[in-house]
Amino acid sequence: MSDQQPWSKKLPQNYQDILKTIDGFFQNTMQHINDNPLFLPPIPTTVFESNDSLIIEAELPGVSKSQINLDIYRQAVRIQVTQDERSEYTDDKSGITERVNQTQTRQRVIPVPFFINEQEVKATYKNGLLQIIIPNKRKQIPIE
């Protein structure tokens, strides 16, 4: 072997194969990291309070109303967006058709500092902005 070769080429073939496998694992992982729901961007939200309500706004551009699910918990609101993507490819020469179905789900849980009565919560969705209005049930305790 020549001294000009990288050190990995000087190793026996079995070791070179192991190194190639490890390199391939990390290269494939980095190429497909965006496919993992753990690394999807979070749903951007803004929470602010008025005298009589807590208002949660979520920016959901390009999302239809049917893709949004809202869950009200005792002291939290969960916004879940499910996006289904279906595509079909046909090879004209072989006549083989490949269908791909992909579903991505993103969610965000927003804690609320008081108990929520789900019958009193109102939600609207217009122009990519989801607005959730929760009546504020907090009571101030005067300090003597």
Protein backbone atom coordinates (compact mmCIF):
# COMPACT_ATOMS: atom_id res chain seq x y z
CA MET A 1 0.00 0.00 0.00
CA SER A 2 1.09 3.52 -0.74
CA ASP A 3 1.67 6.12 1.94
CA GLN A 4 -0.50 8.54 -0.10
CA GLN A 5 -3.72 6.63 0.68
CA PRO A 6 -5.99 7.76 3.53
CA TRP A 7 -5.60 5.81 6.75
CA SER A 8 -9.01 4.13 6.27
CA LYS A 9 -7.83 2.50 3.01
CA LYS A 10 -4.90 0.93 4.85
CA LEU A 11 -7.27 -1.03 7.09
CA PRO A 12 -8.36 -4.58 6.20
CA GLN A 13 -11.47 -4.79 3.96
CA ASN A 14 -13.77 -5.88 6.83
CA TYR A 15 -12.96 -2.71 8.78
CA GLN A 16 -13.44 -0.58 5.67
CA ASP A 17 -16.89 -2.13 5.18
CA ILE A 18 -17.84 -1.31 8.78
CA LEU A 19 -16.70 2.29 8.36
CA LYS A 20 -18.71 2.61 5.12
CA THR A 21 -21.79 1.27 6.90
CA ILE A 22 -21.41 3.78 9.74
CA ASP A 23 -20.88 6.65 7.26
CA GLY A 24 -23.94 5.54 5.27
CA PHE A 25 -26.07 5.43 8.42
CA PHE A 26 -25.26 9.02 9.35
CA GLN A 27 -25.61 10.31 5.78
CA ASN A 28 -29.02 8.66 5.35
CA THR A 29 -30.15 9.86 8.76
CA MET A 30 -29.30 13.48 7.96
CA GLN A 31 -31.01 13.27 4.55
CA HIS A 32 -34.27 11.96 6.08
CA ILE A 33 -34.30 13.91 9.34
CA ASN A 34 -37.07 16.23 8.10
CA ASP A 35 -39.33 13.21 7.52
CA ASN A 36 -39.38 12.54 11.26
CA PRO A 37 -42.29 14.31 13.03
CA LEU A 38 -40.01 15.04 15.97
CA PHE A 39 -38.13 17.55 13.81
CA LEU A 40 -41.12 19.26 12.19
CA PRO A 41 -41.37 22.97 12.94
CA PRO A 42 -43.69 23.75 15.85
CA ILE A 43 -47.03 25.45 15.35
CA PRO A 44 -46.39 29.16 16.00
CA THR A 45 -48.73 30.48 18.68
CA THR A 46 -49.35 33.71 20.53
CA VAL A 47 -51.16 33.80 23.86
CA PHE A 48 -52.49 37.02 25.36
CA GLU A 49 -55.03 37.98 27.95
CA SER A 50 -57.80 40.55 28.01
CA ASN A 51 -59.93 41.48 31.03
CA ASP A 52 -62.46 38.75 30.40
CA SER A 53 -60.71 36.11 28.27
CA LEU A 54 -57.53 34.30 27.35
CA ILE A 55 -56.87 34.35 23.59
CA ILE A 56 -54.69 31.83 21.78
CA GLU A 57 -53.75 32.51 18.16
CA ALA A 58 -52.06 29.91 15.98
CA GLU A 59 -50.62 30.65 12.55
CA LEU A 60 -51.54 27.84 10.15
CA PRO A 61 -50.99 29.07 6.58
CA GLY A 62 -51.97 26.64 3.85
CA VAL A 63 -53.98 24.46 6.25
CA SER A 64 -57.68 23.81 5.67
CA LYS A 65 -60.18 23.88 8.51
CA SER A 66 -60.83 20.14 8.15
CA GLN A 67 -57.18 19.38 8.96
CA ILE A 68 -57.37 21.03 12.40
CA ASN A 69 -58.42 19.24 15.60
CA LEU A 70 -58.83 21.02 18.92
CA ASP A 71 -58.88 19.19 22.23
CA ILE A 72 -59.75 20.89 25.48
CA TYR A 73 -58.26 19.41 28.63
CA ARG A 74 -58.73 20.49 32.19
CA GLN A 75 -56.00 23.14 32.04
CA ALA A 76 -54.67 22.95 28.49
CA VAL A 77 -55.60 23.24 24.82
CA ARG A 78 -54.13 20.95 22.18
CA ILE A 79 -53.98 22.08 18.57
CA GLN A 80 -53.35 19.23 16.14
CA VAL A 81 -52.85 19.56 12.39
CA THR A 82 -52.94 16.47 10.18
CA GLN A 83 -51.78 16.77 6.59
CA ASP A 84 -52.28 13.92 4.13
CA GLU A 85 -50.29 13.85 0.92
CA ARG A 86 -51.05 11.39 -1.84
CA SER A 87 -49.12 11.13 -5.07
CA GLU A 88 -49.07 8.72 -7.97
CA TYR A 89 -46.29 8.10 -10.47
CA THR A 90 -46.68 6.04 -13.64
CA ASP A 91 -43.75 4.87 -15.73
CA ASP A 92 -44.94 5.05 -19.36
CA LYS A 93 -42.42 2.49 -20.60
CA SER A 94 -43.04 -0.26 -18.08
CA GLY A 95 -46.62 0.67 -17.19
CA ILE A 96 -45.82 0.38 -13.48
CA THR A 97 -47.72 2.73 -11.18
CA GLU A 98 -46.37 3.72 -7.80
CA ARG A 99 -48.68 5.28 -5.21
CA VAL A 100 -47.30 7.10 -2.19
CA ASN A 101 -49.40 8.11 0.81
CA GLN A 102 -47.85 10.22 3.54
CA THR A 103 -49.44 11.64 6.69
CA GLN A 104 -47.80 14.25 8.91
CA THR A 105 -49.20 15.31 12.25
CA ARG A 106 -48.04 18.36 14.17
CA GLN A 107 -49.38 19.39 17.51
CA ARG A 108 -48.96 22.01 20.17
CA VAL A 109 -50.22 21.94 23.74
CA ILE A 110 -50.81 25.29 25.41
CA PRO A 111 -51.17 25.25 29.21
CA VAL A 112 -53.85 27.50 30.72
CA PRO A 113 -53.56 28.84 34.30
CA PHE A 114 -57.17 28.01 35.25
CA PHE A 115 -59.75 25.27 34.71
CA ILE A 116 -61.47 25.33 31.30
CA ASN A 117 -65.17 24.76 30.71
CA GLU A 118 -65.21 23.38 27.18
CA GLN A 119 -68.77 24.59 26.46
CA GLU A 120 -67.59 28.19 26.87
CA VAL A 121 -64.60 27.96 24.48
CA LYS A 122 -65.01 29.53 21.03
CA ALA A 123 -62.72 28.97 18.05
CA THR A 124 -62.59 30.63 14.62
CA TYR A 125 -60.36 30.01 11.61
CA LYS A 126 -59.89 32.62 8.89
CA ASN A 127 -57.05 33.26 6.42
CA GLY A 128 -54.63 30.84 8.09
CA LEU A 129 -55.17 32.21 11.61
CA LEU A 130 -56.81 30.03 14.26
CA GLN A 131 -58.16 32.01 17.21
CA ILE A 132 -59.30 30.29 20.40
CA ILE A 133 -61.10 32.39 23.02
CA ILE A 134 -61.39 31.01 26.54
CA PRO A 135 -63.36 32.97 29.16
CA ASN A 136 -61.04 33.99 31.98
CA LYS A 137 -62.23 32.38 35.21
CA ARG A 138 -59.37 33.54 37.38
CA LYS A 139 -60.19 35.53 40.47
CA GLN A 140 -57.83 38.01 42.05
CA ILE A 141 -57.39 37.66 45.78
CA PRO A 142 -57.02 40.98 47.55
CA ILE A 143 -54.06 41.27 49.86
CA GLU A 144 -54.77 42.87 53.22
